[in-house]
Amino acid sequence: MIGKLTAEERDQELADLPEWTVIADPDGIRRRFNFADFSAAFGFMTRVALLAEQANHHPEWFNVYNRVDITLTTHDADGLSRRDIDLAKAIDALLLD
């Protein structure tokens, strides 16, 4: 079973993810990404989808034109887990390519 991070663990991990915001409902983290246009946003979503499928951990997301909002939470843990942190870091790394 995947465990929910403690408040201390969450704070420690989020120090390395400054663009992600803690949210209460669902208990997790969220980040907004803005791109030049729809094509760039959709390309990003495709790359995230491949990462998520490999990790077998799928984000909640919303897309309008050039904007992509991603929420990460682990339903089995009832909140933020190591899986969310790892996926957030992998998503952020896509922007460095």
PDB file of N, CA and C in Angstrom:
ATOM      1  N   MET A   1       0.846  -1.196   0.000  1.00  0.00           N
ATOM      2  CA  MET A   1       0.000   0.000   0.000  1.00  0.00           C
ATOM      3  C   MET A   1       0.884   1.250   0.000  1.00  0.00           C
ATOM      4  N   ILE A   2       0.472   2.211  -0.728  1.00  0.00           N
ATOM      5  CA  ILE A   2       1.195   3.476  -0.825  1.00  0.00           C
ATOM      6  C   ILE A   2       0.726   4.388   0.295  1.00  0.00           C
ATOM      7  N   GLY A   3       1.688   4.953   1.015  1.00  0.00           N
ATOM      8  CA  GLY A   3       1.336   5.797   2.145  1.00  0.00           C
ATOM      9  C   GLY A   3       1.293   7.275   1.802  1.00  0.00           C
ATOM     10  N   LYS A   4       0.431   7.967   2.473  1.00  0.00           N
ATOM     11  CA  LYS A   4       0.318   9.418   2.361  1.00  0.00           C
ATOM     12  C   LYS A   4       1.513  10.062   3.056  1.00  0.00           C
ATOM     13  N   LEU A   5       2.062  11.099   2.440  1.00  0.00           N
ATOM     14  CA  LEU A   5       3.179  11.814   3.051  1.00  0.00           C
ATOM     15  C   LEU A   5       2.727  12.563   4.290  1.00  0.00           C
ATOM     16  N   THR A   6       3.611  12.645   5.271  1.00  0.00           N
ATOM     17  CA  THR A   6       3.333  13.458   6.452  1.00  0.00           C
ATOM     18  C   THR A   6       3.484  14.930   6.061  1.00  0.00           C
ATOM     19  N   ALA A   7       3.030  15.821   6.912  1.00  0.00           N
ATOM     20  CA  ALA A   7       3.171  17.254   6.646  1.00  0.00           C
ATOM     21  C   ALA A   7       4.644  17.631   6.496  1.00  0.00           C
ATOM     22  N   GLU A   8       5.489  17.052   7.323  1.00  0.00           N
ATOM     23  CA  GLU A   8       6.929  17.339   7.253  1.00  0.00           C
ATOM     24  C   GLU A   8       7.521  16.827   5.943  1.00  0.00           C
ATOM     25  N   GLU A   9       7.165  15.625   5.551  1.00  0.00           N
ATOM     26  CA  GLU A   9       7.654  15.069   4.285  1.00  0.00           C
ATOM     27  C   GLU A   9       7.171  15.909   3.105  1.00  0.00           C
ATOM     28  N   ARG A  10       5.915  16.315   3.150  1.00  0.00           N
ATOM     29  CA  ARG A  10       5.338  17.145   2.086  1.00  0.00           C
ATOM     30  C   ARG A  10       6.130  18.447   1.946  1.00  0.00           C
ATOM     31  N   ASP A  11       6.356  19.129   3.050  1.00  0.00           N
ATOM     32  CA  ASP A  11       7.086  20.401   3.015  1.00  0.00           C
ATOM     33  C   ASP A  11       8.497  20.218   2.479  1.00  0.00           C
ATOM     34  N   GLN A  12       9.137  19.150   2.898  1.00  0.00           N
ATOM     35  CA  GLN A  12      10.498  18.866   2.457  1.00  0.00           C
ATOM     36  C   GLN A  12      10.529  18.619   0.947  1.00  0.00           C
ATOM     37  N   GLU A  13       9.620  17.820   0.448  1.00  0.00           N
ATOM     38  CA  GLU A  13       9.582  17.485  -0.978  1.00  0.00           C
ATOM     39  C   GLU A  13       9.196  18.691  -1.836  1.00  0.00           C
ATOM     40  N   LEU A  14       8.264  19.496  -1.348  1.00  0.00           N
ATOM     41  CA  LEU A  14       7.798  20.633  -2.137  1.00  0.00           C
ATOM     42  C   LEU A  14       8.835  21.747  -2.227  1.00  0.00           C
ATOM     43  N   ALA A  15       9.843  21.705  -1.386  1.00  0.00           N
ATOM     44  CA  ALA A  15      10.945  22.674  -1.499  1.00  0.00           C
ATOM     45  C   ALA A  15      11.637  22.527  -2.852  1.00  0.00           C
ATOM     46  N   ASP A  16      11.610  21.320  -3.411  1.00  0.00           N
ATOM     47  CA  ASP A  16      12.210  21.059  -4.724  1.00  0.00           C
ATOM     48  C   ASP A  16      11.215  21.242  -5.866  1.00  0.00           C
ATOM     49  N   LEU A  17       9.993  21.591  -5.546  1.00  0.00           N
ATOM     50  CA  LEU A  17       8.936  21.763  -6.557  1.00  0.00           C
ATOM     51  C   LEU A  17       8.230  23.105  -6.344  1.00  0.00           C
ATOM     52  N   PRO A  18       8.959  24.213  -6.498  1.00  0.00           N
ATOM     53  CA  PRO A  18       8.390  25.515  -6.128  1.00  0.00           C
ATOM     54  C   PRO A  18       7.198  25.970  -6.971  1.00  0.00           C
ATOM     55  N   GLU A  19       7.017  25.414  -8.147  1.00  0.00           N
ATOM     56  CA  GLU A  19       5.902  25.821  -9.010  1.00  0.00           C
ATOM     57  C   GLU A  19       4.601  25.079  -8.688  1.00  0.00           C
ATOM     58  N   TRP A  20       4.689  24.056  -7.863  1.00  0.00           N
ATOM     59  CA  TRP A  20       3.512  23.275  -7.499  1.00  0.00           C
ATOM     60  C   TRP A  20       2.897  23.839  -6.224  1.00  0.00           C
ATOM     61  N   THR A  21       1.569  23.877  -6.186  1.00  0.00           N
ATOM     62  CA  THR A  21       0.822  24.436  -5.062  1.00  0.00           C
ATOM     63  C   THR A  21       0.062  23.333  -4.341  1.00  0.00           C
ATOM     64  N   VAL A  22       0.100  23.360  -3.029  1.00  0.00           N
ATOM     65  CA  VAL A  22      -0.667  22.412  -2.232  1.00  0.00           C
ATOM     66  C   VAL A  22      -2.144  22.777  -2.340  1.00  0.00           C
ATOM     67  N   ILE A  23      -2.971  21.761  -2.521  1.00  0.00           N
ATOM     68  CA  ILE A  23      -4.424  21.961  -2.554  1.00  0.00           C
ATOM     69  C   ILE A  23      -5.070  21.026  -1.532  1.00  0.00           C
ATOM     70  N   ALA A  24      -6.246  21.396  -1.088  1.00  0.00           N
ATOM     71  CA  ALA A  24      -6.938  20.619  -0.058  1.00  0.00           C
ATOM     72  C   ALA A  24      -7.937  19.615  -0.627  1.00  0.00           C
ATOM     73  N   ASP A  25      -8.524  19.917  -1.767  1.00  0.00           N
ATOM     74  CA  ASP A  25      -9.574  19.056  -2.308  1.00  0.00           C
ATOM     75  C   ASP A  25      -9.387  18.836  -3.798  1.00  0.00           C
ATOM     76  N   PRO A  26      -8.833  17.709  -4.189  1.00  0.00           N
ATOM     77  CA  PRO A  26      -8.368  16.628  -3.333  1.00  0.00           C
ATOM     78  C   PRO A  26      -7.033  16.989  -2.691  1.00  0.00           C
ATOM     79  N   ASP A  27      -6.669  16.272  -1.658  1.00  0.00           N
ATOM     80  CA  ASP A  27      -5.403  16.508  -0.969  1.00  0.00           C
ATOM     81  C   ASP A  27      -4.267  16.148  -1.921  1.00  0.00           C
ATOM     82  N   GLY A  28      -3.596  17.163  -2.437  1.00  0.00           N
ATOM     83  CA  GLY A  28      -2.552  16.919  -3.411  1.00  0.00           C
ATOM     84  C   GLY A  28      -1.832  18.196  -3.789  1.00  0.00           C
ATOM     85  N   ILE A  29      -1.313  18.207  -5.012  1.00  0.00           N
ATOM     86  CA  ILE A  29      -0.614  19.376  -5.538  1.00  0.00           C
ATOM     87  C   ILE A  29      -1.114  19.678  -6.942  1.00  0.00           C
ATOM     88  N   ARG A  30      -0.973  20.957  -7.317  1.00  0.00           N
ATOM     89  CA  ARG A  30      -1.463  21.407  -8.633  1.00  0.00           C
ATOM     90  C   ARG A  30      -0.462  22.385  -9.224  1.00  0.00           C
ATOM     91  N   ARG A  31      -0.371  22.338 -10.550  1.00  0.00           N
ATOM     92  CA  ARG A  31       0.459  23.296 -11.265  1.00  0.00           C
ATOM     93  C   ARG A  31      -0.220  23.677 -12.573  1.00  0.00           C
ATOM     94  N   ARG A  32      -0.089  24.946 -12.930  1.00  0.00           N
ATOM     95  CA  ARG A  32      -0.600  25.449 -14.216  1.00  0.00           C
ATOM     96  C   ARG A  32       0.591  25.661 -15.149  1.00  0.00           C
ATOM     97  N   PHE A  33       0.435  25.176 -16.365  1.00  0.00           N
ATOM     98  CA  PHE A  33       1.445  25.322 -17.405  1.00  0.00           C
ATOM     99  C   PHE A  33       0.845  26.143 -18.534  1.00  0.00           C
ATOM    100  N   ASN A  34       1.595  27.110 -19.044  1.00  0.00           N
ATOM    101  CA  ASN A  34       1.156  27.919 -20.171  1.00  0.00           C
ATOM    102  C   ASN A  34       2.135  27.752 -21.328  1.00  0.00           C
ATOM    103  N   PHE A  35       1.589  27.619 -22.524  1.00  0.00           N
ATOM    104  CA  PHE A  35       2.388  27.382 -23.718  1.00  0.00           C
ATOM    105  C   PHE A  35       2.049  28.413 -24.783  1.00  0.00           C
ATOM    106  N   ALA A  36       2.788  28.401 -25.858  1.00  0.00           N
ATOM    107  CA  ALA A  36       2.598  29.378 -26.935  1.00  0.00           C
ATOM    108  C   ALA A  36       1.242  29.205 -27.625  1.00  0.00           C
ATOM    109  N   ASP A  37       0.785  27.954 -27.750  1.00  0.00           N
ATOM    110  CA  ASP A  37      -0.461  27.695 -28.468  1.00  0.00           C
ATOM    111  C   ASP A  37      -0.989  26.311 -28.099  1.00  0.00           C
ATOM    112  N   PHE A  38      -2.104  25.934 -28.708  1.00  0.00           N
ATOM    113  CA  PHE A  38      -2.736  24.655 -28.416  1.00  0.00           C
ATOM    114  C   PHE A  38      -1.844  23.484 -28.790  1.00  0.00           C
ATOM    115  N   SER A  39      -1.162  23.584 -29.905  1.00  0.00           N
ATOM    116  CA  SER A  39      -0.300  22.495 -30.356  1.00  0.00           C
ATOM    117  C   SER A  39       0.803  22.199 -29.342  1.00  0.00           C
ATOM    118  N   ALA A  40       1.424  23.230 -28.822  1.00  0.00           N
ATOM    119  CA  ALA A  40       2.476  23.045 -27.816  1.00  0.00           C
ATOM    120  C   ALA A  40       1.899  22.451 -26.532  1.00  0.00           C
ATOM    121  N   ALA A  41       0.719  22.918 -26.126  1.00  0.00           N
ATOM    122  CA  ALA A  41       0.080  22.385 -24.923  1.00  0.00           C
ATOM    123  C   ALA A  41      -0.275  20.914 -25.107  1.00  0.00           C
ATOM    124  N   PHE A  42      -0.812  20.575 -26.272  1.00  0.00           N
ATOM    125  CA  PHE A  42      -1.212  19.193 -26.525  1.00  0.00           C
ATOM    126  C   PHE A  42       0.011  18.284 -26.620  1.00  0.00           C
ATOM    127  N   GLY A  43       1.088  18.768 -27.218  1.00  0.00           N
ATOM    128  CA  GLY A  43       2.326  17.995 -27.269  1.00  0.00           C
ATOM    129  C   GLY A  43       2.844  17.692 -25.872  1.00  0.00           C
ATOM    130  N   PHE A  44       2.789  18.683 -24.993  1.00  0.00           N
ATOM    131  CA  PHE A  44       3.191  18.501 -23.590  1.00  0.00           C
ATOM    132  C   PHE A  44       2.312  17.458 -22.922  1.00  0.00           C
ATOM    133  N   MET A  45       1.016  17.542 -23.129  1.00  0.00           N
ATOM    134  CA  MET A  45       0.095  16.578 -22.528  1.00  0.00           C
ATOM    135  C   MET A  45       0.403  15.156 -23.011  1.00  0.00           C
ATOM    136  N   THR A  46       0.765  15.027 -24.263  1.00  0.00           N
ATOM    137  CA  THR A  46       1.105  13.709 -24.801  1.00  0.00           C
ATOM    138  C   THR A  46       2.335  13.147 -24.106  1.00  0.00           C
ATOM    139  N   ARG A  47       3.338  13.989 -23.896  1.00  0.00           N
ATOM    140  CA  ARG A  47       4.557  13.523 -23.214  1.00  0.00           C
ATOM    141  C   ARG A  47       4.259  13.172 -21.755  1.00  0.00           C
ATOM    142  N   VAL A  48       3.404  13.956 -21.101  1.00  0.00           N
ATOM    143  CA  VAL A  48       3.011  13.647 -19.725  1.00  0.00           C
ATOM    144  C   VAL A  48       2.232  12.328 -19.690  1.00  0.00           C
ATOM    145  N   ALA A  49       1.368  12.121 -20.670  1.00  0.00           N
ATOM    146  CA  ALA A  49       0.585  10.885 -20.719  1.00  0.00           C
ATOM    147  C   ALA A  49       1.495   9.664 -20.804  1.00  0.00           C
ATOM    148  N   LEU A  50       2.570   9.758 -21.582  1.00  0.00           N
ATOM    149  CA  LEU A  50       3.506   8.638 -21.691  1.00  0.00           C
ATOM    150  C   LEU A  50       4.219   8.384 -20.359  1.00  0.00           C
ATOM    151  N   LEU A  51       4.627   9.451 -19.676  1.00  0.00           N
ATOM    152  CA  LEU A  51       5.241   9.306 -18.348  1.00  0.00           C
ATOM    153  C   LEU A  51       4.262   8.662 -17.360  1.00  0.00           C
ATOM    154  N   ALA A  52       3.039   9.166 -17.368  1.00  0.00           N
ATOM    155  CA  ALA A  52       2.026   8.674 -16.435  1.00  0.00           C
ATOM    156  C   ALA A  52       1.729   7.200 -16.678  1.00  0.00           C
ATOM    157  N   GLU A  53       1.659   6.815 -17.926  1.00  0.00           N
ATOM    158  CA  GLU A  53       1.375   5.415 -18.251  1.00  0.00           C
ATOM    159  C   GLU A  53       2.521   4.519 -17.786  1.00  0.00           C
ATOM    160  N   GLN A  54       3.753   4.957 -17.992  1.00  0.00           N
ATOM    161  CA  GLN A  54       4.913   4.188 -17.521  1.00  0.00           C
ATOM    162  C   GLN A  54       4.881   4.019 -16.001  1.00  0.00           C
ATOM    163  N   ALA A  55       4.485   5.072 -15.301  1.00  0.00           N
ATOM    164  CA  ALA A  55       4.443   5.044 -13.838  1.00  0.00           C
ATOM    165  C   ALA A  55       3.162   4.400 -13.310  1.00  0.00           C
ATOM    166  N   ASN A  56       2.212   4.143 -14.208  1.00  0.00           N
ATOM    167  CA  ASN A  56       0.885   3.649 -13.812  1.00  0.00           C
ATOM    168  C   ASN A  56       0.286   4.555 -12.726  1.00  0.00           C
ATOM    169  N   HIS A  57       0.439   5.853 -12.966  1.00  0.00           N
ATOM    170  CA  HIS A  57      -0.072   6.858 -12.030  1.00  0.00           C
ATOM    171  C   HIS A  57      -0.554   8.033 -12.865  1.00  0.00           C
ATOM    172  N   HIS A  58      -1.841   8.251 -12.916  1.00  0.00           N
ATOM    173  CA  HIS A  58      -2.427   9.156 -13.898  1.00  0.00           C
ATOM    174  C   HIS A  58      -2.945  10.442 -13.256  1.00  0.00           C
ATOM    175  N   PRO A  59      -2.571  11.578 -13.844  1.00  0.00           N
ATOM    176  CA  PRO A  59      -2.984  12.873 -13.279  1.00  0.00           C
ATOM    177  C   PRO A  59      -4.431  13.199 -13.590  1.00  0.00           C
ATOM    178  N   GLU A  60      -4.954  14.116 -12.823  1.00  0.00           N
ATOM    179  CA  GLU A  60      -6.201  14.787 -13.184  1.00  0.00           C
ATOM    180  C   GLU A  60      -5.747  16.042 -13.902  1.00  0.00           C
ATOM    181  N   TRP A  61      -6.325  16.328 -15.062  1.00  0.00           N
ATOM    182  CA  TRP A  61      -5.875  17.525 -15.771  1.00  0.00           C
ATOM    183  C   TRP A  61      -6.986  18.181 -16.557  1.00  0.00           C
ATOM    184  N   PHE A  62      -6.704  19.404 -16.928  1.00  0.00           N
ATOM    185  CA  PHE A  62      -7.670  20.247 -17.640  1.00  0.00           C
ATOM    186  C   PHE A  62      -6.882  21.061 -18.656  1.00  0.00           C
ATOM    187  N   ASN A  63      -7.412  21.139 -19.869  1.00  0.00           N
ATOM    188  CA  ASN A  63      -6.734  21.878 -20.935  1.00  0.00           C
ATOM    189  C   ASN A  63      -7.716  22.811 -21.631  1.00  0.00           C
ATOM    190  N   VAL A  64      -7.304  24.058 -21.775  1.00  0.00           N
ATOM    191  CA  VAL A  64      -7.997  25.022 -22.613  1.00  0.00           C
ATOM    192  C   VAL A  64      -6.932  25.745 -23.427  1.00  0.00           C
ATOM    193  N   TYR A  65      -7.015  25.622 -24.733  1.00  0.00           N
ATOM    194  CA  TYR A  65      -6.105  26.226 -25.687  1.00  0.00           C
ATOM    195  C   TYR A  65      -4.648  26.038 -25.293  1.00  0.00           C
ATOM    196  N   ASN A  66      -3.997  27.042 -24.722  1.00  0.00           N
ATOM    197  CA  ASN A  66      -2.558  26.958 -24.434  1.00  0.00           C
ATOM    198  C   ASN A  66      -2.262  26.658 -22.957  1.00  0.00           C
ATOM    199  N   ARG A  67      -3.279  26.364 -22.185  1.00  0.00           N
ATOM    200  CA  ARG A  67      -3.117  26.165 -20.747  1.00  0.00           C
ATOM    201  C   ARG A  67      -3.399  24.714 -20.380  1.00  0.00           C
ATOM    202  N   VAL A  68      -2.548  24.171 -19.503  1.00  0.00           N
ATOM    203  CA  VAL A  68      -2.746  22.827 -18.972  1.00  0.00           C
ATOM    204  C   VAL A  68      -2.635  22.916 -17.448  1.00  0.00           C
ATOM    205  N   ASP A  69      -3.682  22.504 -16.748  1.00  0.00           N
ATOM    206  CA  ASP A  69      -3.674  22.436 -15.291  1.00  0.00           C
ATOM    207  C   ASP A  69      -3.581  20.967 -14.898  1.00  0.00           C
ATOM    208  N   ILE A  70      -2.591  20.639 -14.057  1.00  0.00           N
ATOM    209  CA  ILE A  70      -2.394  19.256 -13.627  1.00  0.00           C
ATOM    210  C   ILE A  70      -2.533  19.171 -12.109  1.00  0.00           C
ATOM    211  N   THR A  71      -3.344  18.223 -11.666  1.00  0.00           N
ATOM    212  CA  THR A  71      -3.498  17.916 -10.252  1.00  0.00           C
ATOM    213  C   THR A  71      -2.978  16.510 -10.018  1.00  0.00           C
ATOM    214  N   LEU A  72      -2.145  16.373  -8.983  1.00  0.00           N
ATOM    215  CA  LEU A  72      -1.621  15.065  -8.610  1.00  0.00           C
ATOM    216  C   LEU A  72      -2.056  14.730  -7.192  1.00  0.00           C
ATOM    217  N   THR A  73      -2.624  13.558  -7.035  1.00  0.00           N
ATOM    218  CA  THR A  73      -3.020  13.011  -5.740  1.00  0.00           C
ATOM    219  C   THR A  73      -3.048  11.501  -5.891  1.00  0.00           C
ATOM    220  N   THR A  74      -2.925  10.796  -4.804  1.00  0.00           N
ATOM    221  CA  THR A  74      -2.985   9.339  -4.837  1.00  0.00           C
ATOM    222  C   THR A  74      -4.240   8.906  -4.099  1.00  0.00           C
ATOM    223  N   HIS A  75      -5.220   8.464  -4.855  1.00  0.00           N
ATOM    224  CA  HIS A  75      -6.508   8.101  -4.259  1.00  0.00           C
ATOM    225  C   HIS A  75      -6.366   6.955  -3.255  1.00  0.00           C
ATOM    226  N   ASP A  76      -5.494   5.988  -3.557  1.00  0.00           N
ATOM    227  CA  ASP A  76      -5.295   4.858  -2.649  1.00  0.00           C
ATOM    228  C   ASP A  76      -4.705   5.285  -1.304  1.00  0.00           C
ATOM    229  N   ALA A  77      -4.001   6.425  -1.292  1.00  0.00           N
ATOM    230  CA  ALA A  77      -3.387   6.925  -0.054  1.00  0.00           C
ATOM    231  C   ALA A  77      -4.217   8.034   0.581  1.00  0.00           C
ATOM    232  N   ASP A  78      -5.305   8.404  -0.055  1.00  0.00           N
ATOM    233  CA  ASP A  78      -6.146   9.516   0.408  1.00  0.00           C
ATOM    234  C   ASP A  78      -5.364  10.818   0.504  1.00  0.00           C
ATOM    235  N   GLY A  79      -4.444  11.024  -0.443  1.00  0.00           N
ATOM    236  CA  GLY A  79      -3.696  12.281  -0.451  1.00  0.00           C
ATOM    237  C   GLY A  79      -2.372  12.161  -1.167  1.00  0.00           C
ATOM    238  N   LEU A  80      -1.522  13.118  -0.904  1.00  0.00           N
ATOM    239  CA  LEU A  80      -0.225  13.224  -1.570  1.00  0.00           C
ATOM    240  C   LEU A  80       0.706  12.099  -1.141  1.00  0.00           C
ATOM    241  N   SER A  81       1.307  11.439  -2.132  1.00  0.00           N
ATOM    242  CA  SER A  81       2.228  10.339  -1.842  1.00  0.00           C
ATOM    243  C   SER A  81       3.525  10.529  -2.615  1.00  0.00           C
ATOM    244  N   ARG A  82       4.456   9.642  -2.376  1.00  0.00           N
ATOM    245  CA  ARG A  82       5.737   9.629  -3.099  1.00  0.00           C
ATOM    246  C   ARG A  82       5.499   9.547  -4.605  1.00  0.00           C
ATOM    247  N   ARG A  83       4.491   8.812  -5.028  1.00  0.00           N
ATOM    248  CA  ARG A  83       4.197   8.671  -6.460  1.00  0.00           C
ATOM    249  C   ARG A  83       3.884  10.036  -7.085  1.00  0.00           C
ATOM    250  N   ASP A  84       3.176  10.882  -6.367  1.00  0.00           N
ATOM    251  CA  ASP A  84       2.842  12.216  -6.880  1.00  0.00           C
ATOM    252  C   ASP A  84       4.101  13.074  -7.006  1.00  0.00           C
ATOM    253  N   ILE A  85       4.942  13.017  -6.004  1.00  0.00           N
ATOM    254  CA  ILE A  85       6.185  13.795  -6.020  1.00  0.00           C
ATOM    255  C   ILE A  85       7.062  13.350  -7.182  1.00  0.00           C
ATOM    256  N   ASP A  86       7.210  12.042  -7.345  1.00  0.00           N
ATOM    257  CA  ASP A  86       8.042  11.520  -8.429  1.00  0.00           C
ATOM    258  C   ASP A  86       7.497  11.934  -9.794  1.00  0.00           C
ATOM    259  N   LEU A  87       6.181  11.875  -9.965  1.00  0.00           N
ATOM    260  CA  LEU A  87       5.595  12.264 -11.245  1.00  0.00           C
ATOM    261  C   LEU A  87       5.729  13.767 -11.467  1.00  0.00           C
ATOM    262  N   ALA A  88       5.550  14.565 -10.435  1.00  0.00           N
ATOM    263  CA  ALA A  88       5.719  16.019 -10.570  1.00  0.00           C
ATOM    264  C   ALA A  88       7.138  16.365 -11.011  1.00  0.00           C
ATOM    265  N   LYS A  89       8.115  15.703 -10.426  1.00  0.00           N
ATOM    266  CA  LYS A  89       9.516  15.935 -10.817  1.00  0.00           C
ATOM    267  C   LYS A  89       9.763  15.526 -12.254  1.00  0.00           C
ATOM    268  N   ALA A  90       9.183  14.416 -12.667  1.00  0.00           N
ATOM    269  CA  ALA A  90       9.328  13.956 -14.055  1.00  0.00           C
ATOM    270  C   ALA A  90       8.656  14.927 -15.028  1.00  0.00           C
ATOM    271  N   ILE A  91       7.500  15.435 -14.650  1.00  0.00           N
ATOM    272  CA  ILE A  91       6.800  16.424 -15.485  1.00  0.00           C
ATOM    273  C   ILE A  91       7.627  17.689 -15.620  1.00  0.00           C
ATOM    274  N   ASP A  92       8.145  18.179 -14.496  1.00  0.00           N
ATOM    275  CA  ASP A  92       8.981  19.378 -14.539  1.00  0.00           C
ATOM    276  C   ASP A  92      10.208  19.172 -15.419  1.00  0.00           C
ATOM    277  N   ALA A  93      10.772  17.960 -15.391  1.00  0.00           N
ATOM    278  CA  ALA A  93      11.959  17.666 -16.201  1.00  0.00           C
ATOM    279  C   ALA A  93      11.655  17.748 -17.694  1.00  0.00           C
ATOM    280  N   LEU A  94      10.401  17.502 -18.084  1.00  0.00           N
ATOM    281  CA  LEU A  94      10.031  17.629 -19.493  1.00  0.00           C
ATOM    282  C   LEU A  94      10.255  19.035 -20.022  1.00  0.00           C
ATOM    283  N   LEU A  95      10.112  20.010 -19.140  1.00  0.00           N
ATOM    284  CA  LEU A  95      10.258  21.405 -19.546  1.00  0.00           C
ATOM    285  C   LEU A  95      11.718  21.790 -19.765  1.00  0.00           C
ATOM    286  N   LEU A  96      12.635  20.958 -19.283  1.00  0.00           N
ATOM    287  CA  LEU A  96      14.056  21.233 -19.438  1.00  0.00           C
ATOM    288  C   LEU A  96      14.614  20.677 -20.742  1.00  0.00           C
ATOM    289  N   ASP A  97      13.855  19.773 -21.372  1.00  0.00           N
ATOM    290  CA  ASP A  97      14.308  19.155 -22.644  1.00  0.00           C
ATOM    291  C   ASP A  97      14.293  20.143 -23.785  1.00  0.00           C
TER     292      ASP A  97
END
